[in-house]
């Protein structure tokens, strides 16, 4: 029995020696919830700061098994001039059998946003940590078979070295992809054995690759949303096999989560493990996380035992941005409800209006079609009248000599011609008004009476214009005015063959050579003159 125990203890010491090279830094699973531990770029990346305590005990069945304790503090620092920054610090103790490390670091990070005021984060973060580690190797605590071996160190060795770490992190919404370098200077302790030979304990540079994505289900305005979050981390250490970790979390946002993960071996010995995690968040401030780890190899797990890790964290700083967003979202929801109710009422009212308008449109459809036909008929009439005007204009030009003769005849024999009436026009107009129509109706009655007595009559319509403006245009205006009067009489039933147009233009003013407003208005007129040849008495 003693021999079996001695063999198991020797194996434990051997595994501890292997672990010394791989676990020079605290090996913690709770970087998932406090990513600042392994990547300086994640410092102050959230909207609130966080203080956290970490404790981890590995291989609980083995004497002098590794123990890790750490305390961290990180917070965002947002300024208008310098932009978004993060500051943080951490102290830790890491004990692995005869090797113990006490270290600390201070961290600064700068966050570069790619978009602003979009409701989500998209940017790149960079961070650097400056720190120290006090290393102590207490060889007298080791149990060896030959204490007189000259390769053994005569006493403990200790010293302090300084180092730095750096990292980058790319964020898009809830996706993070990052890389960090830890123990960048490769510093360490120099010890002497009994033969005065140098023995070096080097803090080997390590590279950490990480990626995570938190997918939330349900509407954004919901406070507690279900989410699924896969997390991956890989460690690259010189002369050590690549170590990978993969975790999957399933939880309710701002309440708690369950997770399961797998960590591969970091050396030839099968030390891979499976981790199960339970996390609880209380009032969005306090976070408690417990992780239980068990080795994949059954024999090694039976000899070395299980692993336990605890984290207690507190989030501080009022999340003004989220609070304001929630208030805005609540206000928007209330407005949306009011707007929806208003839209429903307006929709009902509009439906009634639409139905009424539909009926009116339907009733007026026939009227519109009828009006369209009337407009078409009027258009045809206008075209016909236009042709008539053109034809009369041609007739006037052809009969210009006859018109001149008639004008002279009227001037030389004024007593043979009777003026039966006149109508006046507005400036530049050829349109007959109500008074003009009444005058022409009276003229028509007089002419009809003369014809009824058996007389043979001829009607002469003299068109006139004012002396203002261009003489040619005034002549055209007098023709159009005379034509309008002739057309009116014809439309009233008078024989157009008995009517002759005589355009005078501006040649027959009523006011003489001196122009005045009153005389000018009288010149814009048409005179109706006729001759009467009475029948011979029997």
Protein backbone atom coordinates (compact mmCIF):
# COMPACT_ATOMS: atom_id res chain seq x y z
CA UNK A 1 0.00 0.00 0.00
CA UNK A 2 2.86 2.38 0.87
CA UNK A 3 4.50 1.57 -2.46
CA UNK A 4 1.31 2.40 -4.38
CA UNK A 5 0.96 5.72 -2.59
CA UNK A 6 4.61 6.57 -3.28
CA UNK A 7 4.16 5.83 -6.99
CA UNK A 8 1.03 8.00 -7.17
CA UNK A 9 2.80 10.84 -5.37
CA UNK A 10 5.76 10.63 -7.75
CA UNK A 11 3.36 10.83 -10.68
CA UNK A 12 1.75 13.87 -9.13
CA UNK A 13 5.12 15.59 -8.76
CA UNK A 14 5.93 14.75 -12.37
CA UNK A 15 2.64 16.21 -13.57
CA UNK A 16 3.28 19.27 -11.46
CA UNK A 17 6.61 19.71 -13.20
CA UNK A 18 4.89 19.47 -16.57
CA UNK A 19 2.28 21.98 -15.46
CA UNK A 20 4.93 24.43 -14.29
CA UNK A 21 5.85 25.25 -17.85
CA UNK A 22 2.29 25.54 -19.11
CA UNK A 23 0.71 27.29 -16.14
CA UNK A 24 3.09 30.15 -15.53
CA UNK A 25 0.02 32.41 -15.72
CA UNK A 26 -3.18 31.85 -13.75
CA UNK A 27 -5.26 29.21 -15.57
CA UNK A 28 -8.84 30.42 -15.12
CA UNK A 29 -11.97 29.44 -16.94
CA UNK A 30 -13.85 32.60 -15.97
CA UNK A 31 -12.15 34.74 -18.59
CA UNK A 32 -15.48 34.13 -20.40
CA UNK A 33 -17.20 36.54 -17.99
CA UNK A 34 -14.16 38.71 -17.26
CA UNK A 35 -12.23 38.80 -20.58
CA UNK A 36 -9.94 41.52 -19.22
CA UNK A 37 -7.93 38.72 -17.50
CA UNK A 38 -6.30 37.52 -20.75
CA UNK A 39 -6.72 40.43 -23.18
CA UNK A 40 -5.83 44.02 -22.18
CA UNK A 41 -7.90 45.34 -25.12
CA UNK A 42 -11.10 44.28 -23.33
CA UNK A 43 -10.47 46.76 -20.49
CA UNK A 44 -13.38 49.14 -20.01
CA UNK A 45 -15.07 47.90 -23.15
CA UNK A 46 -18.52 47.77 -21.58
CA UNK A 47 -20.72 50.60 -20.38
CA UNK A 48 -20.03 49.79 -16.71
CA UNK A 49 -17.02 48.94 -14.60
CA UNK A 50 -16.51 45.63 -12.78
CA UNK A 51 -14.62 44.45 -9.67
CA UNK A 52 -14.11 40.69 -9.44
CA UNK A 53 -12.65 38.04 -7.13
CA UNK A 54 -11.43 34.71 -8.58
CA UNK A 55 -10.53 31.48 -6.83
CA UNK A 56 -9.56 28.20 -8.44
CA UNK A 57 -8.40 24.88 -7.06
CA UNK A 58 -7.12 22.21 -9.48
CA UNK A 59 -6.67 18.47 -9.02
CA UNK A 60 -8.12 18.41 -5.52
CA UNK A 61 -7.09 14.78 -4.83
CA UNK A 62 -3.40 15.53 -5.31
CA UNK A 63 -1.24 17.00 -2.52
CA UNK A 64 0.07 20.53 -3.19
CA UNK A 65 -2.29 20.89 -6.14
CA UNK A 66 -2.36 24.24 -8.00
CA UNK A 67 -4.28 27.09 -6.40
CA UNK A 68 -5.05 30.46 -7.97
CA UNK A 69 -6.53 33.60 -6.47
CA UNK A 70 -6.99 36.96 -8.21
CA UNK A 71 -8.68 40.29 -7.79
CA UNK A 72 -9.34 42.60 -10.74
CA UNK A 73 -10.82 46.02 -11.31
CA UNK A 74 -11.59 47.61 -14.71
CA UNK A 75 -13.78 50.48 -15.85
CA UNK A 76 -14.54 52.57 -18.94
CA UNK A 77 -13.36 56.18 -19.06
CA UNK A 78 -15.26 58.28 -21.60
CA UNK A 79 -14.19 61.83 -22.45
CA UNK A 80 -15.19 64.18 -25.25
CA UNK A 81 -11.61 65.19 -26.08
CA UNK A 82 -9.72 61.90 -25.67
CA UNK A 83 -12.49 59.52 -26.70
CA UNK A 84 -13.36 56.16 -25.16
CA UNK A 85 -10.72 54.57 -22.94
CA UNK A 86 -10.43 51.87 -20.32
CA UNK A 87 -8.32 51.56 -17.17
CA UNK A 88 -7.80 48.45 -15.10
CA UNK A 89 -5.59 46.57 -12.68
CA UNK A 90 -5.18 43.04 -11.33
CA UNK A 91 -3.31 41.26 -8.51
CA UNK A 92 -2.99 37.50 -8.42
CA UNK A 93 -1.41 34.61 -6.50
CA UNK A 94 -0.63 31.34 -8.29
CA UNK A 95 0.75 28.40 -6.27
CA UNK A 96 1.90 25.18 -7.94
CA UNK A 97 3.67 22.90 -5.41
CA UNK A 98 7.11 24.44 -4.76
CA UNK A 99 6.62 27.28 -7.28
CA UNK A 100 4.60 30.33 -6.30
CA UNK A 101 3.97 33.54 -8.25
CA UNK A 102 2.62 36.79 -6.92
CA UNK A 103 1.95 39.29 -9.68
CA UNK A 104 0.10 42.39 -10.68
CA UNK A 105 -0.50 44.58 -13.68
CA UNK A 106 -1.96 47.95 -14.65
CA UNK A 107 -3.78 48.23 -17.98
CA UNK A 108 -4.75 50.96 -20.42
CA UNK A 109 -7.01 50.43 -23.43
CA UNK A 110 -8.29 52.69 -26.20
CA UNK A 111 -11.50 51.99 -28.12
CA UNK A 112 -11.92 53.22 -31.70
CA UNK A 113 -15.55 53.24 -32.87
CA UNK A 114 -16.28 52.61 -36.55
CA UNK A 115 -19.90 53.80 -36.26
CA UNK A 116 -21.60 56.24 -33.91
CA UNK A 117 -25.17 56.59 -32.67
CA UNK A 118 -26.33 53.45 -34.47
CA UNK A 119 -27.67 51.60 -31.42
CA UNK A 120 -24.91 49.00 -31.56
CA UNK A 121 -21.12 48.82 -31.19
CA UNK A 122 -18.68 48.35 -34.03
CA UNK A 123 -15.01 49.12 -33.57
CA UNK A 124 -11.48 48.11 -32.71
CA UNK A 125 -9.87 48.12 -29.26
CA UNK A 126 -6.19 48.04 -28.35
CA UNK A 127 -4.69 47.63 -24.89
CA UNK A 128 -1.39 47.26 -23.08
CA UNK A 129 -0.53 46.04 -19.57
CA UNK A 130 2.60 46.73 -17.55
CA UNK A 131 3.18 44.40 -14.66
CA UNK A 132 5.46 42.50 -12.34
CA UNK A 133 5.71 39.00 -10.97
CA UNK A 134 7.53 37.89 -7.82
CA UNK A 135 8.58 34.29 -8.27
CA UNK A 136 9.61 31.93 -5.49
CA UNK A 137 10.86 28.37 -5.83
CA UNK A 138 11.08 26.70 -2.42
CA UNK A 139 12.96 23.53 -3.21
CA UNK A 140 13.33 22.34 0.44
CA UNK A 141 9.57 21.69 0.38
CA UNK A 142 10.08 19.08 -2.32
CA UNK A 143 10.24 15.41 -1.36
CA UNK A 144 13.09 13.67 -3.20
CA UNK A 145 14.75 10.26 -2.98
CA UNK A 146 18.36 11.58 -2.82
CA UNK A 147 18.70 14.90 -0.96
CA UNK A 148 22.47 14.86 -1.66
CA UNK A 149 22.07 15.00 -5.46
CA UNK A 150 24.36 17.83 -6.65
CA UNK A 151 21.76 18.82 -9.28
CA UNK A 152 19.44 19.98 -6.52
CA UNK A 153 19.23 23.59 -5.49
CA UNK A 154 20.60 24.19 -2.01
CA UNK A 155 17.81 26.58 -0.95
CA UNK A 156 14.88 28.55 -2.21
CA UNK A 157 15.25 31.02 -5.07
CA UNK A 158 13.18 34.12 -5.53
CA UNK A 159 13.15 37.35 -7.44
CA UNK A 160 11.01 39.91 -9.15
CA UNK A 161 10.77 40.53 -12.85
CA UNK A 162 8.84 43.04 -14.90
CA UNK A 163 6.95 42.38 -18.06
CA UNK A 164 4.26 43.67 -20.43
CA UNK A 165 1.27 42.29 -22.33
CA UNK A 166 -0.70 43.64 -25.28
CA UNK A 167 -3.86 42.82 -27.15
CA UNK A 168 -6.34 43.70 -29.88
CA UNK A 169 -10.08 43.07 -30.07
CA UNK A 170 -12.50 43.61 -32.94
CA UNK A 171 -16.17 44.02 -32.02
CA UNK A 172 -19.26 44.01 -34.21
CA UNK A 173 -22.50 44.03 -32.24
CA UNK A 174 -22.13 41.00 -29.93
CA UNK A 175 -19.23 39.41 -31.83
CA UNK A 176 -15.69 39.63 -30.44
CA UNK A 177 -12.52 38.39 -32.14
CA UNK A 178 -9.23 39.08 -30.37
CA UNK A 179 -5.58 38.22 -29.96
CA UNK A 180 -3.22 38.97 -27.08
CA UNK A 181 0.42 38.41 -26.17
CA UNK A 182 1.26 37.71 -22.53
CA UNK A 183 4.72 37.79 -20.85
CA UNK A 184 6.17 39.55 -23.85
CA UNK A 185 9.74 39.99 -22.49
CA UNK A 186 10.47 36.30 -21.66
CA UNK A 187 12.04 37.30 -18.34
CA UNK A 188 12.56 34.98 -15.33
CA UNK A 189 14.78 33.84 -12.44
CA UNK A 190 18.41 32.75 -12.53
CA UNK A 191 19.33 30.10 -9.89
CA UNK A 192 22.51 28.19 -9.00
CA UNK A 193 22.65 24.50 -8.20
CA UNK A 194 25.14 22.89 -5.77
CA UNK A 195 27.74 22.83 -8.53
CA UNK A 196 27.34 26.58 -9.12
CA UNK A 197 25.67 25.96 -12.49
CA UNK A 198 23.11 28.43 -13.81
CA UNK A 199 19.53 27.26 -13.78
CA UNK A 200 17.00 29.55 -15.46
CA UNK A 201 13.27 29.74 -14.86
CA UNK A 202 11.86 31.61 -17.86
CA UNK A 203 8.41 33.20 -18.10
CA UNK A 204 7.65 32.00 -21.61
CA UNK A 205 5.78 34.27 -24.01
CA UNK A 206 2.21 33.13 -24.64
CA UNK A 207 -0.28 33.97 -27.40
CA UNK A 208 -3.99 33.87 -26.73
CA UNK A 209 -6.58 33.71 -29.52
CA UNK A 210 -10.19 34.31 -28.62
CA UNK A 211 -13.62 34.63 -30.20
CA UNK A 212 -17.16 34.79 -28.86
CA UNK A 213 -20.64 35.63 -30.09
CA UNK A 214 -23.72 36.28 -27.99
CA UNK A 215 -26.95 35.74 -29.90
CA UNK A 216 -30.05 37.15 -28.21
CA UNK A 217 -33.53 35.87 -29.06
CA UNK A 218 -36.71 37.95 -28.91
CA UNK A 219 -37.47 41.68 -29.31
CA UNK A 220 -34.90 44.22 -28.14
CA UNK A 221 -37.31 46.01 -25.81
CA UNK A 222 -37.71 42.84 -23.74
CA UNK A 223 -35.67 43.08 -20.54
CA UNK A 224 -34.85 39.38 -20.04
CA UNK A 225 -34.01 37.74 -23.36
CA UNK A 226 -32.84 34.18 -23.92
CA UNK A 227 -29.38 33.94 -25.45
CA UNK A 228 -26.87 31.43 -26.76
CA UNK A 229 -23.15 32.24 -26.57
CA UNK A 230 -20.33 30.10 -28.01
CA UNK A 231 -16.81 30.99 -26.80
CA UNK A 232 -13.45 29.79 -28.15
CA UNK A 233 -9.92 30.32 -26.84
CA UNK A 234 -6.59 28.94 -28.02
CA UNK A 235 -3.17 29.08 -26.29
CA UNK A 236 0.11 29.06 -28.18
CA UNK A 237 3.24 28.48 -26.07
CA UNK A 238 6.68 27.60 -27.38
CA UNK A 239 7.48 23.85 -27.12
CA UNK A 240 3.99 23.14 -25.77
CA UNK A 241 1.18 21.58 -27.85
CA UNK A 242 -1.59 23.95 -28.90
CA UNK A 243 -4.28 24.06 -26.25
CA UNK A 244 -7.86 24.82 -27.27
CA UNK A 245 -10.92 25.60 -25.19
CA UNK A 246 -14.51 25.69 -26.37
CA UNK A 247 -17.54 26.68 -24.28
CA UNK A 248 -21.22 27.12 -24.96
CA UNK A 249 -23.45 29.18 -22.67
CA UNK A 250 -27.24 29.13 -22.60
CA UNK A 251 -28.94 31.71 -20.41
CA UNK A 252 -31.40 34.48 -19.75
CA UNK A 253 -29.93 37.95 -20.10
CA UNK A 254 -29.42 39.81 -16.79
CA UNK A 255 -30.51 36.73 -14.80
CA UNK A 256 -28.27 33.70 -15.18
CA UNK A 257 -26.85 30.96 -17.39
CA UNK A 258 -25.63 27.37 -17.69
CA UNK A 259 -22.57 26.40 -19.66
CA UNK A 260 -20.49 23.44 -20.75
CA UNK A 261 -16.94 23.50 -22.07
CA UNK A 262 -13.99 21.40 -23.12
CA UNK A 263 -10.28 22.12 -22.61
CA UNK A 264 -7.68 20.06 -24.48
CA UNK A 265 -4.38 18.85 -22.97
CA UNK A 266 -1.49 21.29 -22.84
CA UNK A 267 1.21 18.58 -23.02
CA UNK A 268 1.67 14.94 -23.90
CA UNK A 269 -0.09 13.76 -20.73
CA UNK A 270 -3.85 13.51 -21.12
CA UNK A 271 -4.99 16.39 -18.89
CA UNK A 272 -7.97 17.51 -20.95
CA UNK A 273 -11.10 18.34 -18.99
CA UNK A 274 -14.80 19.04 -19.25
CA UNK A 275 -16.19 22.07 -17.41
CA UNK A 276 -19.75 22.74 -16.30
CA UNK A 277 -20.68 26.29 -15.29
CA UNK A 278 -23.54 27.90 -13.38
CA UNK A 279 -23.85 31.69 -13.27
CA UNK A 280 -26.30 33.98 -11.48
CA UNK A 281 -26.76 37.76 -11.93
CA UNK A 282 -28.60 39.66 -9.19
CA UNK A 283 -30.20 43.06 -9.84
CA UNK A 284 -27.76 43.70 -12.70
CA UNK A 285 -24.98 44.38 -10.19
CA UNK A 286 -23.81 41.17 -8.48
CA UNK A 287 -22.54 38.15 -10.40
CA UNK A 288 -21.70 34.74 -8.93
CA UNK A 289 -20.19 31.99 -11.08
CA UNK A 290 -19.17 28.45 -10.19
CA UNK A 291 -17.40 26.06 -12.55
CA UNK A 292 -16.86 22.37 -11.91
CA UNK A 293 -14.18 20.60 -13.95
CA UNK A 294 -13.52 16.92 -14.37
CA UNK A 295 -10.77 15.18 -16.33
CA UNK A 296 -11.60 13.31 -19.51
CA UNK A 297 -9.12 10.51 -18.74
CA UNK A 298 -10.80 8.33 -16.11
CA UNK A 299 -7.61 6.90 -14.56
CA UNK A 300 -5.88 10.26 -14.29
CA UNK A 301 -9.04 11.87 -13.02
CA UNK A 302 -9.37 9.24 -10.28
CA UNK A 303 -5.85 9.99 -9.09
CA UNK A 304 -5.83 13.75 -9.47
CA UNK A 305 -9.41 14.69 -8.60
CA UNK A 306 -11.70 17.45 -9.81
CA UNK A 307 -11.31 21.22 -10.35
CA UNK A 308 -13.36 24.03 -8.80
CA UNK A 309 -13.47 27.72 -9.72
CA UNK A 310 -15.46 30.59 -8.18
CA UNK A 311 -15.97 34.16 -9.24
CA UNK A 312 -17.77 36.93 -7.36
CA UNK A 313 -18.12 40.20 -9.25
CA UNK A 314 -19.79 43.56 -8.81
CA UNK A 315 -20.73 45.90 -11.66
CA UNK A 316 -20.60 49.54 -10.72
CA UNK A 317 -21.44 52.83 -12.36
CA UNK A 318 -24.93 53.77 -13.46
CA UNK A 319 -25.61 52.55 -16.94
CA UNK A 320 -27.01 55.89 -18.07
CA UNK A 321 -26.94 54.98 -21.73
CA UNK A 322 -28.93 51.75 -21.31
CA UNK A 323 -31.27 53.41 -18.84
CA UNK A 324 -31.91 56.26 -21.24
CA UNK A 325 -32.43 53.80 -24.10
CA UNK A 326 -34.95 51.86 -21.99
CA UNK A 327 -36.79 55.07 -21.09
CA UNK A 328 -36.81 56.13 -24.72
CA UNK A 329 -38.01 52.68 -25.76
CA UNK A 330 -40.81 52.79 -23.18
CA UNK A 331 -41.84 56.25 -24.35
CA UNK A 332 -41.79 55.05 -27.95
CA UNK A 333 -43.94 52.05 -27.05
CA UNK A 334 -46.49 54.31 -25.37
CA UNK A 335 -46.50 56.63 -28.37
CA UNK A 336 -46.83 53.65 -30.70
CA UNK A 337 -49.86 52.42 -28.74
CA UNK A 338 -51.45 55.88 -28.90
CA UNK A 339 -50.61 56.16 -32.58
CA UNK A 340 -52.03 52.71 -33.29
CA UNK A 341 -55.30 53.62 -31.55
CA UNK A 342 -55.42 56.92 -33.42
CA UNK A 343 -54.71 55.17 -36.73
CA UNK A 344 -57.50 52.67 -36.09
CA UNK A 345 -59.98 55.50 -35.41
CA UNK A 346 -58.78 57.46 -38.44
CA UNK A 347 -58.95 54.32 -40.55
CA UNK A 348 -62.61 53.83 -39.64
CA UNK A 349 -63.37 57.48 -40.42
CA UNK A 350 -61.43 57.35 -43.67
CA UNK A 351 -63.27 54.20 -44.68
CA UNK A 352 -66.58 56.03 -44.40
CA UNK A 353 -65.17 58.96 -46.37
CA UNK A 354 -63.76 56.63 -49.02
CA UNK A 355 -67.10 54.85 -49.37
CA UNK A 356 -68.88 58.19 -49.71
CA UNK A 357 -66.35 59.46 -52.23
CA UNK A 358 -66.66 56.24 -54.18
CA UNK A 359 -70.40 56.75 -54.48
CA UNK A 360 -69.91 60.39 -55.54
CA UNK A 361 -67.31 59.36 -58.12
CA UNK A 362 -69.62 56.68 -59.42
CA UNK A 363 -72.53 59.11 -59.66
CA UNK A 364 -70.41 61.76 -61.39
CA UNK A 365 -68.87 59.34 -63.85
CA UNK A 366 -71.73 59.71 -66.34
CA UNK A 367 -71.66 63.49 -65.86
CA UNK A 368 -67.95 63.55 -66.61
CA UNK A 369 -68.47 61.53 -69.78
CA UNK A 370 -71.32 63.81 -70.83
CA UNK A 371 -69.24 66.91 -70.08
CA UNK A 372 -66.43 65.44 -72.14
CA UNK A 373 -68.80 65.05 -75.11
CA UNK A 374 -70.02 68.64 -74.69
CA UNK A 375 -66.43 69.91 -74.58
CA UNK A 376 -65.69 67.94 -77.71
CA UNK A 377 -68.72 69.41 -79.48
CA UNK A 378 -67.72 72.90 -78.36
CA UNK A 379 -64.23 72.27 -79.62
CA UNK A 380 -65.62 71.30 -83.00
CA UNK A 381 -67.76 74.46 -83.01
CA UNK A 382 -64.74 76.59 -82.14
CA UNK A 383 -62.80 74.98 -84.96
CA UNK A 384 -65.70 75.69 -87.33
CA UNK A 385 -65.94 79.31 -86.17
CA UNK A 386 -62.20 79.66 -86.62
CA UNK A 387 -62.56 78.43 -90.21
CA UNK A 388 -65.39 80.87 -90.74
CA UNK A 389 -63.27 83.73 -89.44
CA UNK A 390 -60.43 82.76 -91.74
CA UNK A 391 -62.85 82.55 -94.67
CA UNK A 392 -64.33 85.95 -93.83
CA UNK A 393 -60.87 87.43 -93.56
CA UNK A 394 -60.15 86.15 -97.07
CA UNK A 395 -63.42 87.59 -98.32
CA UNK A 396 -62.56 90.94 -96.77
CA UNK A 397 -59.22 91.03 -98.52
CA UNK A 398 -60.78 90.06 -101.84
CA UNK A 399 -63.49 92.70 -101.54
CA UNK A 400 -61.23 95.45 -100.30
CA UNK A 401 -61.87 97.62 -103.37
CA UNK A 402 -65.60 97.23 -103.00
CA UNK A 403 -65.32 98.12 -99.37
CA UNK A 404 -63.38 101.24 -100.23
CA UNK A 405 -66.08 102.22 -102.69
CA UNK A 406 -68.72 101.65 -100.06
CA UNK A 407 -66.81 103.74 -97.54
CA UNK A 408 -66.61 106.61 -100.07
CA UNK A 409 -70.27 106.17 -100.93
CA UNK A 410 -71.17 106.45 -97.25
CA UNK A 411 -69.01 109.51 -96.88
CA UNK A 412 -70.37 111.22 -100.03
CA UNK A 413 -74.02 110.25 -99.51
CA UNK A 414 -74.52 110.07 -95.76
CA UNK A 415 -78.23 110.71 -95.95
CA UNK A 416 -78.89 107.53 -97.92
CA UNK A 417 -77.49 105.38 -95.09
CA UNK A 418 -79.15 105.00 -91.73
CA UNK A 419 -77.25 104.12 -88.55
CA UNK A 420 -79.38 101.68 -86.69
CA UNK A 421 -77.14 100.97 -83.69
CA UNK A 422 -73.67 100.49 -82.25
CA UNK A 423 -71.86 98.28 -79.67
CA UNK A 424 -68.70 98.95 -77.66
CA UNK A 425 -65.78 96.69 -76.64
CA UNK A 426 -63.19 96.58 -73.90
CA UNK A 427 -59.58 97.45 -74.68
CA UNK A 428 -58.11 94.81 -77.02
CA UNK A 429 -61.26 92.64 -76.76
CA UNK A 430 -63.63 91.22 -79.41
CA UNK A 431 -66.04 89.73 -76.91
CA UNK A 432 -69.67 90.89 -76.81
CA UNK A 433 -71.01 91.64 -73.33
CA UNK A 434 -74.61 91.61 -72.11
CA UNK A 435 -75.22 95.27 -73.05
CA UNK A 436 -73.88 94.65 -76.56
CA UNK A 437 -76.15 91.63 -76.99
CA UNK A 438 -79.15 93.72 -75.93
CA UNK A 439 -78.24 96.44 -78.45
CA UNK A 440 -77.87 93.91 -81.24
CA UNK A 441 -81.21 92.31 -80.37
CA UNK A 442 -82.79 95.76 -80.76
CA UNK A 443 -80.98 96.22 -84.10
CA UNK A 444 -82.22 92.84 -85.23
CA UNK A 445 -85.83 93.85 -84.39
CA UNK A 446 -85.50 97.10 -86.37
CA UNK A 447 -84.08 95.30 -89.39
CA UNK A 448 -86.76 92.60 -89.23
CA UNK A 449 -89.46 95.31 -89.10
CA UNK A 450 -88.02 97.00 -92.18
CA UNK A 451 -87.94 93.75 -94.10
CA UNK A 452 -91.46 92.95 -92.97
CA UNK A 453 -92.69 96.18 -94.63
CA UNK A 454 -91.44 94.84 -97.97
CA UNK A 455 -88.31 96.96 -98.15
CA UNK A 456 -85.11 95.65 -99.63
CA UNK A 457 -82.32 96.36 -97.17
CA UNK A 458 -78.55 96.06 -97.08
CA UNK A 459 -76.65 96.07 -93.78
CA UNK A 460 -73.12 97.45 -93.40
CA UNK A 461 -71.10 96.74 -90.26
CA UNK A 462 -68.24 99.18 -89.63
CA UNK A 463 -65.56 97.86 -87.32
CA UNK A 464 -63.50 100.47 -85.44
CA UNK A 465 -60.49 100.55 -83.12
CA UNK A 466 -58.76 103.21 -81.04
CA UNK A 467 -55.84 105.21 -82.35
CA UNK A 468 -53.51 103.74 -79.74
CA UNK A 469 -51.00 101.06 -80.73
CA UNK A 470 -49.99 99.61 -84.08
CA UNK A 471 -52.25 100.55 -87.03
CA UNK A 472 -52.05 97.09 -88.61
CA UNK A 473 -53.09 95.38 -85.40
CA UNK A 474 -55.92 97.90 -84.93
CA UNK A 475 -57.15 97.09 -88.44
CA UNK A 476 -57.17 93.36 -87.64
CA UNK A 477 -58.97 94.11 -84.36
CA UNK A 478 -61.69 96.12 -86.19
CA UNK A 479 -62.24 93.24 -88.63
CA UNK A 480 -62.66 90.73 -85.77
CA UNK A 481 -65.09 93.02 -83.93
CA UNK A 482 -67.21 93.50 -87.07
CA UNK A 483 -67.12 89.76 -87.72
CA UNK A 484 -68.31 89.06 -84.14
CA UNK A 485 -71.32 91.38 -84.64
CA UNK A 486 -72.16 89.85 -88.06
CA UNK A 487 -71.94 86.33 -86.57
CA UNK A 488 -74.31 87.31 -83.76
CA UNK A 489 -76.92 88.63 -86.18
CA UNK A 490 -76.58 85.56 -88.39
CA UNK A 491 -76.96 83.28 -85.36
CA UNK A 492 -80.16 85.21 -84.52
CA UNK A 493 -81.57 84.34 -87.95
CA UNK A 494 -80.62 87.33 -90.08
CA UNK A 495 -79.62 86.57 -93.67
CA UNK A 496 -75.83 86.74 -93.86
CA UNK A 497 -75.96 87.54 -97.60
CA UNK A 498 -77.48 90.95 -96.75
CA UNK A 499 -74.59 91.85 -94.36
CA UNK A 500 -71.31 93.43 -95.46
CA UNK A 501 -68.32 94.04 -93.17
CA UNK A 502 -66.43 97.34 -93.50
CA UNK A 503 -63.25 97.45 -91.35
CA UNK A 504 -62.23 101.03 -90.53
CA UNK A 505 -59.33 100.33 -88.16
CA UNK A 506 -58.33 103.58 -86.47
CA UNK A 507 -59.44 105.78 -89.44
CA UNK A 508 -62.85 106.80 -88.06
CA UNK A 509 -62.20 108.20 -84.56
CA UNK A 510 -65.00 109.98 -82.77
CA UNK A 511 -62.73 112.37 -80.82
CA UNK A 512 -60.71 113.86 -83.64
CA UNK A 513 -56.97 114.30 -83.49
CA UNK A 514 -56.77 114.93 -79.74
CA UNK A 515 -56.66 111.67 -77.80
CA UNK A 516 -58.43 111.21 -74.49
CA UNK A 517 -59.55 108.29 -72.38
CA UNK A 518 -63.24 108.92 -73.03
CA UNK A 519 -62.79 109.30 -76.78
CA UNK A 520 -60.54 106.29 -76.94
CA UNK A 521 -63.21 104.11 -75.32
CA UNK A 522 -65.79 105.28 -77.92
CA UNK A 523 -63.44 104.31 -80.74
CA UNK A 524 -63.51 100.66 -79.62
CA UNK A 525 -66.89 100.11 -81.29
CA UNK A 526 -68.87 98.67 -84.19
CA UNK A 527 -71.45 100.80 -86.08
CA UNK A 528 -74.44 99.07 -87.79
CA UNK A 529 -75.68 100.97 -90.87
CA UNK A 530 -78.28 99.88 -93.41
CA UNK A 531 -79.88 101.10 -96.65
CA UNK A 532 -83.56 100.62 -97.34
CA UNK A 533 -85.16 100.41 -100.78
CA UNK A 534 -88.90 100.58 -100.37
CA UNK A 535 -91.18 98.83 -102.83
CA UNK A 536 -92.79 100.90 -105.61
CA UNK A 537 -96.38 101.83 -104.97
CA UNK A 538 -98.92 100.47 -107.37
